[in-house]
């Protein structure tokens, strides 16, 4: 009974026609529901049966009923159509950036403030995205984005980017004076930076944190003094720790207030020094996947 009719394939239209007959139990009603005449519908089902080599429907004066084989085929046909619909929808979501895998790099202190906010945004607005997180230095994660090992990286004030990367500001923070909780100025709401001229400073390593290091030197110069560097640190967490230990003061982004350790007071700066800002930036390749663009658009939509 098998007819090797190569003009017939299990197209979506053919499966929908068969299921319509099963659902309606009548060729005439199924044809009307499909917007076609009955003879072509009957011919399509007959050719489907020849191709499969089985009888799918019992025809009679009262209509058409699926055979045992027809019942099984109808269940499988519904699953095939559902899978096809899901596959088309998923590929469109991936192409549109609402589904897929994202490999994201970040530097340490961002994990305490901006990274949780980004993950909440993904969960609430882009639940189809799966995020893999990778920690490293700013230079390391930037290089991984450049080589394609990461899709996106969040860093603070990148001074020199690998050629070809695109940078987007996703957050801005004011720089504050960081003093130990036991410091003579700890109770003040704001201070003049010049009040710290005789203090020892924890200084950003100009190699690892070049923008912040330059900002600190410039702000102190404008305040009329050169900061007396006691120690260098290549991470904000290190600068914070020196201050928390009571050893010195520093100038740090206000976001460090979310650092788990205590012992530090952050004081607003008056005058020109009070205009100091630091930025969190997202690094990506110009040809980044649509998911990267969708994520950045969602994050930007939540910026205050």
C-alpha atoms as a PDB file:
ATOM      1  CA  UNK A   1       0.000   0.000   0.000  1.00  0.00           C
ATOM      2  CA  UNK A   2       2.995   2.273   0.448  1.00  0.00           C
ATOM      3  CA  UNK A   3       3.196   4.910  -2.305  1.00  0.00           C
ATOM      4  CA  UNK A   4       6.636   6.485  -2.655  1.00  0.00           C
ATOM      5  CA  UNK A   5       5.052   9.787  -3.683  1.00  0.00           C
ATOM      6  CA  UNK A   6       7.881  12.253  -3.405  1.00  0.00           C
ATOM      7  CA  UNK A   7       5.575  15.205  -3.963  1.00  0.00           C
ATOM      8  CA  UNK A   8       4.035  14.630  -0.520  1.00  0.00           C
ATOM      9  CA  UNK A   9       5.793  15.670   2.656  1.00  0.00           C
ATOM     10  CA  UNK A  10       4.623  16.097   6.229  1.00  0.00           C
ATOM     11  CA  UNK A  11       4.138  19.795   5.787  1.00  0.00           C
ATOM     12  CA  UNK A  12       2.502  21.921   8.445  1.00  0.00           C
ATOM     13  CA  UNK A  13      -0.481  22.464   6.146  1.00  0.00           C
ATOM     14  CA  UNK A  14      -1.015  18.736   5.621  1.00  0.00           C
ATOM     15  CA  UNK A  15      -0.826  17.983   9.338  1.00  0.00           C
ATOM     16  CA  UNK A  16      -3.259  20.801  10.090  1.00  0.00           C
ATOM     17  CA  UNK A  17      -5.679  19.421   7.495  1.00  0.00           C
ATOM     18  CA  UNK A  18      -5.585  15.924   9.008  1.00  0.00           C
ATOM     19  CA  UNK A  19      -6.067  17.256  12.543  1.00  0.00           C
ATOM     20  CA  UNK A  20      -8.979  19.392  11.410  1.00  0.00           C
ATOM     21  CA  UNK A  21     -10.776  16.299  10.100  1.00  0.00           C
ATOM     22  CA  UNK A  22     -10.065  14.440  13.359  1.00  0.00           C
ATOM     23  CA  UNK A  23     -11.274  17.398  15.403  1.00  0.00           C
ATOM     24  CA  UNK A  24     -14.452  18.014  13.379  1.00  0.00           C
ATOM     25  CA  UNK A  25     -15.198  14.357  12.649  1.00  0.00           C
ATOM     26  CA  UNK A  26     -16.475  15.357   9.213  1.00  0.00           C
ATOM     27  CA  UNK A  27     -14.740  16.284   5.947  1.00  0.00           C
ATOM     28  CA  UNK A  28     -17.256  18.975   5.037  1.00  0.00           C
ATOM     29  CA  UNK A  29     -17.042  20.789   8.366  1.00  0.00           C
ATOM     30  CA  UNK A  30     -13.236  20.468   8.411  1.00  0.00           C
ATOM     31  CA  UNK A  31     -13.012  21.912   4.880  1.00  0.00           C
ATOM     32  CA  UNK A  32     -15.205  24.838   5.900  1.00  0.00           C
ATOM     33  CA  UNK A  33     -13.096  25.471   8.972  1.00  0.00           C
ATOM     34  CA  UNK A  34      -9.931  25.402   6.825  1.00  0.00           C
ATOM     35  CA  UNK A  35     -11.418  27.706   4.190  1.00  0.00           C
ATOM     36  CA  UNK A  36     -11.246  25.187   1.351  1.00  0.00           C
ATOM     37  CA  UNK A  37     -13.587  22.895  -0.551  1.00  0.00           C
ATOM     38  CA  UNK A  38     -14.118  19.274   0.468  1.00  0.00           C
ATOM     39  CA  UNK A  39     -12.704  17.380  -2.563  1.00  0.00           C
ATOM     40  CA  UNK A  40      -9.150  18.762  -2.273  1.00  0.00           C
ATOM     41  CA  UNK A  41      -9.199  18.026   1.451  1.00  0.00           C
ATOM     42  CA  UNK A  42     -10.299  14.423   0.862  1.00  0.00           C
ATOM     43  CA  UNK A  43      -7.590  14.022  -1.776  1.00  0.00           C
ATOM     44  CA  UNK A  44      -4.910  15.377   0.588  1.00  0.00           C
ATOM     45  CA  UNK A  45      -5.849  12.912   3.337  1.00  0.00           C
ATOM     46  CA  UNK A  46      -5.941  10.010   0.847  1.00  0.00           C
ATOM     47  CA  UNK A  47      -2.466  10.894  -0.423  1.00  0.00           C
ATOM     48  CA  UNK A  48      -1.241  11.149   3.207  1.00  0.00           C
ATOM     49  CA  UNK A  49      -2.564   7.635   3.873  1.00  0.00           C
ATOM     50  CA  UNK A  50      -0.861   6.306   0.727  1.00  0.00           C
ATOM     51  CA  UNK A  51       2.421   7.882   1.736  1.00  0.00           C
ATOM     52  CA  UNK A  52       2.276   6.420   5.249  1.00  0.00           C
ATOM     53  CA  UNK A  53       0.941   3.083   4.067  1.00  0.00           C
ATOM     54  CA  UNK A  54      -1.839   2.995   6.691  1.00  0.00           C
ATOM     55  CA  UNK A  55      -5.522   3.892   6.927  1.00  0.00           C
ATOM     56  CA  UNK A  56      -5.867   6.864   9.248  1.00  0.00           C
ATOM     57  CA  UNK A  57      -9.632   7.433   9.058  1.00  0.00           C
ATOM     58  CA  UNK A  58     -12.750   5.302   8.946  1.00  0.00           C
ATOM     59  CA  UNK A  59     -15.202   7.014   6.604  1.00  0.00           C
ATOM     60  CA  UNK A  60     -18.935   6.555   6.866  1.00  0.00           C
ATOM     61  CA  UNK A  61     -22.276   8.257   6.241  1.00  0.00           C
ATOM     62  CA  UNK A  62     -22.004  10.015   9.599  1.00  0.00           C
ATOM     63  CA  UNK A  63     -18.529  11.410   9.035  1.00  0.00           C
ATOM     64  CA  UNK A  64     -14.942  10.316   9.664  1.00  0.00           C
ATOM     65  CA  UNK A  65     -13.368   8.768  12.756  1.00  0.00           C
ATOM     66  CA  UNK A  66      -9.667   8.100  13.337  1.00  0.00           C
ATOM     67  CA  UNK A  67      -8.502   4.513  13.336  1.00  0.00           C
ATOM     68  CA  UNK A  68      -6.188   3.281  16.099  1.00  0.00           C
ATOM     69  CA  UNK A  69      -3.261   4.258  13.909  1.00  0.00           C
ATOM     70  CA  UNK A  70      -4.963   7.584  13.194  1.00  0.00           C
ATOM     71  CA  UNK A  71      -5.308   8.333  16.906  1.00  0.00           C
ATOM     72  CA  UNK A  72      -1.581   7.748  17.435  1.00  0.00           C
ATOM     73  CA  UNK A  73      -0.666   9.786  14.382  1.00  0.00           C
ATOM     74  CA  UNK A  74      -2.948  12.642  15.477  1.00  0.00           C
ATOM     75  CA  UNK A  75      -1.206  12.829  18.870  1.00  0.00           C
ATOM     76  CA  UNK A  76       2.211  12.845  17.220  1.00  0.00           C
ATOM     77  CA  UNK A  77       1.090  15.415  14.649  1.00  0.00           C
ATOM     78  CA  UNK A  78      -0.021  17.782  17.416  1.00  0.00           C
ATOM     79  CA  UNK A  79       3.372  17.419  19.080  1.00  0.00           C
ATOM     80  CA  UNK A  80       5.169  18.045  15.770  1.00  0.00           C
ATOM     81  CA  UNK A  81       3.184  21.234  15.197  1.00  0.00           C
ATOM     82  CA  UNK A  82       3.810  22.397  18.766  1.00  0.00           C
ATOM     83  CA  UNK A  83       7.538  21.719  18.411  1.00  0.00           C
ATOM     84  CA  UNK A  84       7.657  23.558  15.101  1.00  0.00           C
ATOM     85  CA  UNK A  85       5.842  26.544  16.599  1.00  0.00           C
ATOM     86  CA  UNK A  86       8.188  26.543  19.601  1.00  0.00           C
ATOM     87  CA  UNK A  87      11.283  26.236  17.378  1.00  0.00           C
ATOM     88  CA  UNK A  88      10.240  29.185  15.223  1.00  0.00           C
ATOM     89  CA  UNK A  89       9.384  31.286  18.271  1.00  0.00           C
ATOM     90  CA  UNK A  90      12.676  30.400  19.974  1.00  0.00           C
ATOM     91  CA  UNK A  91      14.888  31.212  17.002  1.00  0.00           C
ATOM     92  CA  UNK A  92      13.118  34.551  16.705  1.00  0.00           C
ATOM     93  CA  UNK A  93      13.675  35.227  20.409  1.00  0.00           C
ATOM     94  CA  UNK A  94      17.357  34.353  20.087  1.00  0.00           C
ATOM     95  CA  UNK A  95      17.721  36.547  17.011  1.00  0.00           C
ATOM     96  CA  UNK A  96      15.881  39.320  18.830  1.00  0.00           C
ATOM     97  CA  UNK A  97      18.037  38.991  21.936  1.00  0.00           C
ATOM     98  CA  UNK A  98      15.425  37.786  24.425  1.00  0.00           C
ATOM     99  CA  UNK A  99      16.800  34.246  24.760  1.00  0.00           C
ATOM    100  CA  UNK A 100      20.224  32.630  24.793  1.00  0.00           C
ATOM    101  CA  UNK A 101      23.448  32.461  26.817  1.00  0.00           C
ATOM    102  CA  UNK A 102      25.477  35.499  27.889  1.00  0.00           C
ATOM    103  CA  UNK A 103      29.014  35.332  29.284  1.00  0.00           C
ATOM    104  CA  UNK A 104      29.603  38.424  31.400  1.00  0.00           C
ATOM    105  CA  UNK A 105      32.820  39.564  33.049  1.00  0.00           C
ATOM    106  CA  UNK A 106      33.073  41.962  35.966  1.00  0.00           C
ATOM    107  CA  UNK A 107      35.553  43.480  38.400  1.00  0.00           C
ATOM    108  CA  UNK A 108      35.293  42.718  42.093  1.00  0.00           C
ATOM    109  CA  UNK A 109      33.449  45.564  43.786  1.00  0.00           C
ATOM    110  CA  UNK A 110      30.739  45.757  41.133  1.00  0.00           C
ATOM    111  CA  UNK A 111      29.422  42.445  42.456  1.00  0.00           C
ATOM    112  CA  UNK A 112      28.124  44.237  45.560  1.00  0.00           C
ATOM    113  CA  UNK A 113      25.971  46.833  43.828  1.00  0.00           C
ATOM    114  CA  UNK A 114      25.606  46.965  40.061  1.00  0.00           C
ATOM    115  CA  UNK A 115      25.857  43.255  39.311  1.00  0.00           C
ATOM    116  CA  UNK A 116      22.859  42.229  41.500  1.00  0.00           C
ATOM    117  CA  UNK A 117      20.778  44.970  39.874  1.00  0.00           C
ATOM    118  CA  UNK A 118      21.730  43.687  36.426  1.00  0.00           C
ATOM    119  CA  UNK A 119      20.837  40.103  37.357  1.00  0.00           C
ATOM    120  CA  UNK A 120      17.451  41.233  38.693  1.00  0.00           C
ATOM    121  CA  UNK A 121      16.819  43.045  35.410  1.00  0.00           C
ATOM    122  CA  UNK A 122      17.585  39.876  33.447  1.00  0.00           C
ATOM    123  CA  UNK A 123      15.319  37.752  35.653  1.00  0.00           C
ATOM    124  CA  UNK A 124      12.404  40.178  35.443  1.00  0.00           C
ATOM    125  CA  UNK A 125      12.629  41.461  31.873  1.00  0.00           C
ATOM    126  CA  UNK A 126      14.638  38.848  29.939  1.00  0.00           C
ATOM    127  CA  UNK A 127      13.943  35.519  31.660  1.00  0.00           C
ATOM    128  CA  UNK A 128      15.015  33.602  28.546  1.00  0.00           C
ATOM    129  CA  UNK A 129      18.631  34.727  28.972  1.00  0.00           C
ATOM    130  CA  UNK A 130      21.038  32.502  30.889  1.00  0.00           C
ATOM    131  CA  UNK A 131      23.965  34.430  32.405  1.00  0.00           C
ATOM    132  CA  UNK A 132      27.418  33.043  33.161  1.00  0.00           C
ATOM    133  CA  UNK A 133      29.570  35.298  35.358  1.00  0.00           C
ATOM    134  CA  UNK A 134      33.361  35.558  35.206  1.00  0.00           C
ATOM    135  CA  UNK A 135      35.435  37.646  37.631  1.00  0.00           C
ATOM    136  CA  UNK A 136      38.736  39.276  36.744  1.00  0.00           C
ATOM    137  CA  UNK A 137      40.685  42.491  36.534  1.00  0.00           C
ATOM    138  CA  UNK A 138      39.463  45.242  34.205  1.00  0.00           C
ATOM    139  CA  UNK A 139      42.251  44.524  31.723  1.00  0.00           C
ATOM    140  CA  UNK A 140      41.628  40.773  31.804  1.00  0.00           C
ATOM    141  CA  UNK A 141      37.868  40.890  31.221  1.00  0.00           C
ATOM    142  CA  UNK A 142      38.288  43.557  28.519  1.00  0.00           C
ATOM    143  CA  UNK A 143      40.731  41.304  26.677  1.00  0.00           C
ATOM    144  CA  UNK A 144      38.308  38.366  26.960  1.00  0.00           C
ATOM    145  CA  UNK A 145      35.555  40.464  25.395  1.00  0.00           C
ATOM    146  CA  UNK A 146      37.976  41.461  22.634  1.00  0.00           C
ATOM    147  CA  UNK A 147      38.826  37.821  21.848  1.00  0.00           C
ATOM    148  CA  UNK A 148      35.184  36.723  22.031  1.00  0.00           C
ATOM    149  CA  UNK A 149      35.587  34.578  25.153  1.00  0.00           C
ATOM    150  CA  UNK A 150      33.124  36.935  26.906  1.00  0.00           C
ATOM    151  CA  UNK A 151      30.119  38.714  25.425  1.00  0.00           C
ATOM    152  CA  UNK A 152      30.109  41.679  27.812  1.00  0.00           C
ATOM    153  CA  UNK A 153      32.155  43.106  30.682  1.00  0.00           C
ATOM    154  CA  UNK A 154      31.342  45.620  33.400  1.00  0.00           C
ATOM    155  CA  UNK A 155      34.345  47.657  34.527  1.00  0.00           C
ATOM    156  CA  UNK A 156      34.963  50.970  36.217  1.00  0.00           C
ATOM    157  CA  UNK A 157      36.378  53.902  34.220  1.00  0.00           C
ATOM    158  CA  UNK A 158      38.376  51.991  31.596  1.00  0.00           C
ATOM    159  CA  UNK A 159      41.281  54.185  30.564  1.00  0.00           C
ATOM    160  CA  UNK A 160      42.568  52.162  27.629  1.00  0.00           C
ATOM    161  CA  UNK A 161      40.344  49.739  25.749  1.00  0.00           C
ATOM    162  CA  UNK A 162      41.476  47.028  23.358  1.00  0.00           C
ATOM    163  CA  UNK A 163      40.977  48.255  19.802  1.00  0.00           C
ATOM    164  CA  UNK A 164      37.509  47.686  18.456  1.00  0.00           C
ATOM    165  CA  UNK A 165      35.540  47.531  21.710  1.00  0.00           C
ATOM    166  CA  UNK A 166      32.509  49.735  22.343  1.00  0.00           C
ATOM    167  CA  UNK A 167      31.918  51.284  25.767  1.00  0.00           C
ATOM    168  CA  UNK A 168      28.568  52.305  27.272  1.00  0.00           C
ATOM    169  CA  UNK A 169      28.141  54.107  30.615  1.00  0.00           C
ATOM    170  CA  UNK A 170      25.615  52.190  32.731  1.00  0.00           C
ATOM    171  CA  UNK A 171      26.059  53.972  36.078  1.00  0.00           C
ATOM    172  CA  UNK A 172      27.678  57.081  37.528  1.00  0.00           C
ATOM    173  CA  UNK A 173      28.859  57.453  41.124  1.00  0.00           C
ATOM    174  CA  UNK A 174      30.105  60.440  43.065  1.00  0.00           C
ATOM    175  CA  UNK A 175      33.565  60.150  44.618  1.00  0.00           C
ATOM    176  CA  UNK A 176      33.654  60.635  48.392  1.00  0.00           C
ATOM    177  CA  UNK A 177      36.282  61.034  51.057  1.00  0.00           C
ATOM    178  CA  UNK A 178      36.685  57.718  52.860  1.00  0.00           C
ATOM    179  CA  UNK A 179      37.843  57.978  56.474  1.00  0.00           C
ATOM    180  CA  UNK A 180      37.957  55.455  59.346  1.00  0.00           C
ATOM    181  CA  UNK A 181      34.937  55.486  61.653  1.00  0.00           C
ATOM    182  CA  UNK A 182      37.229  56.685  64.446  1.00  0.00           C
ATOM    183  CA  UNK A 183      38.607  59.608  62.413  1.00  0.00           C
ATOM    184  CA  UNK A 184      38.281  63.154  63.781  1.00  0.00           C
ATOM    185  CA  UNK A 185      36.072  64.100  60.792  1.00  0.00           C
ATOM    186  CA  UNK A 186      33.923  60.963  60.755  1.00  0.00           C
ATOM    187  CA  UNK A 187      30.862  62.725  62.177  1.00  0.00           C
ATOM    188  CA  UNK A 188      30.810  65.406  59.456  1.00  0.00           C
ATOM    189  CA  UNK A 189      28.312  65.272  56.601  1.00  0.00           C
ATOM    190  CA  UNK A 190      30.710  66.960  54.172  1.00  0.00           C
ATOM    191  CA  UNK A 191      34.227  68.332  54.254  1.00  0.00           C
ATOM    192  CA  UNK A 192      36.693  70.357  52.230  1.00  0.00           C
ATOM    193  CA  UNK A 193      39.271  68.057  50.677  1.00  0.00           C
ATOM    194  CA  UNK A 194      41.972  70.374  52.034  1.00  0.00           C
ATOM    195  CA  UNK A 195      41.092  69.170  55.538  1.00  0.00           C
ATOM    196  CA  UNK A 196      42.857  65.907  54.661  1.00  0.00           C
ATOM    197  CA  UNK A 197      46.130  67.509  53.536  1.00  0.00           C
ATOM    198  CA  UNK A 198      48.076  66.117  56.527  1.00  0.00           C
ATOM    199  CA  UNK A 199      46.664  62.609  56.279  1.00  0.00           C
ATOM    200  CA  UNK A 200      48.241  59.460  54.895  1.00  0.00           C
ATOM    201  CA  UNK A 201      46.379  58.251  51.777  1.00  0.00           C
ATOM    202  CA  UNK A 202      45.654  54.828  50.338  1.00  0.00           C
ATOM    203  CA  UNK A 203      46.285  55.551  46.660  1.00  0.00           C
ATOM    204  CA  UNK A 204      44.913  53.778  43.576  1.00  0.00           C
ATOM    205  CA  UNK A 205      47.593  51.961  41.613  1.00  0.00           C
ATOM    206  CA  UNK A 206      47.909  54.063  38.430  1.00  0.00           C
ATOM    207  CA  UNK A 207      48.501  50.918  36.382  1.00  0.00           C
ATOM    208  CA  UNK A 208      45.353  49.104  37.532  1.00  0.00           C
ATOM    209  CA  UNK A 209      43.120  52.116  38.311  1.00  0.00           C
ATOM    210  CA  UNK A 210      44.527  54.873  36.096  1.00  0.00           C
ATOM    211  CA  UNK A 211      41.413  57.068  35.899  1.00  0.00           C
ATOM    212  CA  UNK A 212      40.760  57.100  39.639  1.00  0.00           C
ATOM    213  CA  UNK A 213      44.475  57.665  40.362  1.00  0.00           C
ATOM    214  CA  UNK A 214      44.484  60.695  38.074  1.00  0.00           C
ATOM    215  CA  UNK A 215      41.282  62.022  39.636  1.00  0.00           C
ATOM    216  CA  UNK A 216      42.682  61.748  43.157  1.00  0.00           C
ATOM    217  CA  UNK A 217      45.899  63.581  42.254  1.00  0.00           C
ATOM    218  CA  UNK A 218      44.029  66.306  40.353  1.00  0.00           C
ATOM    219  CA  UNK A 219      41.469  66.856  43.117  1.00  0.00           C
ATOM    220  CA  UNK A 220      44.162  67.105  45.786  1.00  0.00           C
ATOM    221  CA  UNK A 221      46.211  69.455  43.587  1.00  0.00           C
ATOM    222  CA  UNK A 222      43.205  71.745  43.227  1.00  0.00           C
ATOM    223  CA  UNK A 223      42.766  71.618  46.998  1.00  0.00           C
ATOM    224  CA  UNK A 224      46.360  72.873  47.384  1.00  0.00           C
ATOM    225  CA  UNK A 225      48.304  69.777  48.386  1.00  0.00           C
ATOM    226  CA  UNK A 226      49.918  66.600  47.129  1.00  0.00           C
ATOM    227  CA  UNK A 227      48.476  63.438  48.693  1.00  0.00           C
ATOM    228  CA  UNK A 228      50.949  61.605  50.875  1.00  0.00           C
ATOM    229  CA  UNK A 229      50.596  58.056  49.649  1.00  0.00           C
ATOM    230  CA  UNK A 230      51.063  55.508  52.392  1.00  0.00           C
ATOM    231  CA  UNK A 231      50.056  52.446  50.356  1.00  0.00           C
ATOM    232  CA  UNK A 232      48.984  51.483  46.835  1.00  0.00           C
ATOM    233  CA  UNK A 233      46.128  49.115  45.938  1.00  0.00           C
ATOM    234  CA  UNK A 234      45.064  47.784  42.555  1.00  0.00           C
ATOM    235  CA  UNK A 235      41.438  47.172  43.629  1.00  0.00           C
ATOM    236  CA  UNK A 236      38.840  49.359  45.350  1.00  0.00           C
ATOM    237  CA  UNK A 237      38.334  46.623  47.925  1.00  0.00           C
ATOM    238  CA  UNK A 238      41.999  46.976  48.884  1.00  0.00           C
ATOM    239  CA  UNK A 239      41.728  50.758  49.277  1.00  0.00           C
ATOM    240  CA  UNK A 240      38.599  50.284  51.364  1.00  0.00           C
ATOM    241  CA  UNK A 241      40.329  47.728  53.587  1.00  0.00           C
ATOM    242  CA  UNK A 242      43.257  50.058  54.358  1.00  0.00           C
ATOM    243  CA  UNK A 243      40.801  52.758  55.439  1.00  0.00           C
ATOM    244  CA  UNK A 244      38.695  50.304  57.453  1.00  0.00           C
ATOM    245  CA  UNK A 245      41.847  49.223  59.287  1.00  0.00           C
ATOM    246  CA  UNK A 246      42.282  52.813  60.494  1.00  0.00           C
ATOM    247  CA  UNK A 247      45.601  53.240  58.714  1.00  0.00           C
ATOM    248  CA  UNK A 248      44.790  56.068  56.312  1.00  0.00           C
ATOM    249  CA  UNK A 249      42.141  57.875  54.266  1.00  0.00           C
ATOM    250  CA  UNK A 250      41.249  57.639  50.581  1.00  0.00           C
ATOM    251  CA  UNK A 251      38.952  58.922  47.864  1.00  0.00           C
ATOM    252  CA  UNK A 252      36.510  56.247  46.748  1.00  0.00           C
ATOM    253  CA  UNK A 253      33.282  55.882  44.737  1.00  0.00           C
ATOM    254  CA  UNK A 254      30.203  56.057  46.938  1.00  0.00           C
ATOM    255  CA  UNK A 255      29.237  52.561  45.833  1.00  0.00           C
ATOM    256  CA  UNK A 256      31.804  51.101  48.253  1.00  0.00           C
ATOM    257  CA  UNK A 257      29.268  51.729  51.011  1.00  0.00           C
ATOM    258  CA  UNK A 258      27.756  48.402  49.945  1.00  0.00           C
ATOM    259  CA  UNK A 259      31.008  46.601  50.679  1.00  0.00           C
ATOM    260  CA  UNK A 260      30.389  43.944  53.316  1.00  0.00           C
ATOM    261  CA  UNK A 261      33.131  45.159  55.676  1.00  0.00           C
ATOM    262  CA  UNK A 262      32.418  48.136  57.957  1.00  0.00           C
ATOM    263  CA  UNK A 263      34.618  50.649  59.683  1.00  0.00           C
ATOM    264  CA  UNK A 264      34.521  53.379  57.007  1.00  0.00           C
ATOM    265  CA  UNK A 265      32.651  56.672  56.752  1.00  0.00           C
ATOM    266  CA  UNK A 266      32.099  58.243  53.327  1.00  0.00           C
ATOM    267  CA  UNK A 267      31.949  62.031  53.418  1.00  0.00           C
ATOM    268  CA  UNK A 268      30.683  64.352  50.698  1.00  0.00           C
ATOM    269  CA  UNK A 269      33.251  66.801  49.315  1.00  0.00           C
ATOM    270  CA  UNK A 270      32.574  70.513  48.956  1.00  0.00           C
ATOM    271  CA  UNK A 271      33.752  72.739  46.128  1.00  0.00           C
ATOM    272  CA  UNK A 272      35.328  71.496  42.913  1.00  0.00           C
ATOM    273  CA  UNK A 273      36.230  68.194  44.526  1.00  0.00           C
ATOM    274  CA  UNK A 274      32.532  67.551  45.054  1.00  0.00           C
ATOM    275  CA  UNK A 275      32.089  67.328  41.288  1.00  0.00           C
ATOM    276  CA  UNK A 276      34.245  64.226  41.000  1.00  0.00           C
ATOM    277  CA  UNK A 277      32.431  61.310  39.363  1.00  0.00           C
ATOM    278  CA  UNK A 278      33.343  57.774  38.441  1.00  0.00           C
ATOM    279  CA  UNK A 279      31.511  55.611  35.931  1.00  0.00           C
ATOM    280  CA  UNK A 280      30.660  51.950  35.512  1.00  0.00           C
ATOM    281  CA  UNK A 281      30.907  51.011  31.855  1.00  0.00           C
ATOM    282  CA  UNK A 282      29.855  48.022  29.796  1.00  0.00           C
ATOM    283  CA  UNK A 283      32.331  46.820  27.180  1.00  0.00           C
ATOM    284  CA  UNK A 284      31.210  44.881  24.108  1.00  0.00           C
ATOM    285  CA  UNK A 285      32.229  44.181  20.527  1.00  0.00           C
ATOM    286  CA  UNK A 286      30.511  46.222  17.793  1.00  0.00           C
ATOM    287  CA  UNK A 287      29.090  42.984  16.333  1.00  0.00           C
ATOM    288  CA  UNK A 288      27.776  41.744  19.689  1.00  0.00           C
ATOM    289  CA  UNK A 289      24.802  39.380  19.741  1.00  0.00           C
ATOM    290  CA  UNK A 290      21.313  40.928  19.970  1.00  0.00           C
ATOM    291  CA  UNK A 291      21.048  39.612  23.535  1.00  0.00           C
ATOM    292  CA  UNK A 292      23.836  41.993  24.582  1.00  0.00           C
ATOM    293  CA  UNK A 293      21.957  44.948  23.120  1.00  0.00           C
ATOM    294  CA  UNK A 294      18.696  43.870  24.757  1.00  0.00           C
ATOM    295  CA  UNK A 295      20.386  43.557  28.143  1.00  0.00           C
ATOM    296  CA  UNK A 296      22.015  46.969  27.907  1.00  0.00           C
ATOM    297  CA  UNK A 297      18.710  48.523  26.839  1.00  0.00           C
ATOM    298  CA  UNK A 298      16.996  46.934  29.856  1.00  0.00           C
ATOM    299  CA  UNK A 299      19.730  48.126  32.226  1.00  0.00           C
ATOM    300  CA  UNK A 300      19.581  51.643  30.763  1.00  0.00           C
ATOM    301  CA  UNK A 301      15.817  51.670  31.235  1.00  0.00           C
ATOM    302  CA  UNK A 302      16.287  51.175  34.966  1.00  0.00           C
ATOM    303  CA  UNK A 303      18.907  53.877  35.479  1.00  0.00           C
ATOM    304  CA  UNK A 304      17.656  56.600  37.803  1.00  0.00           C
END
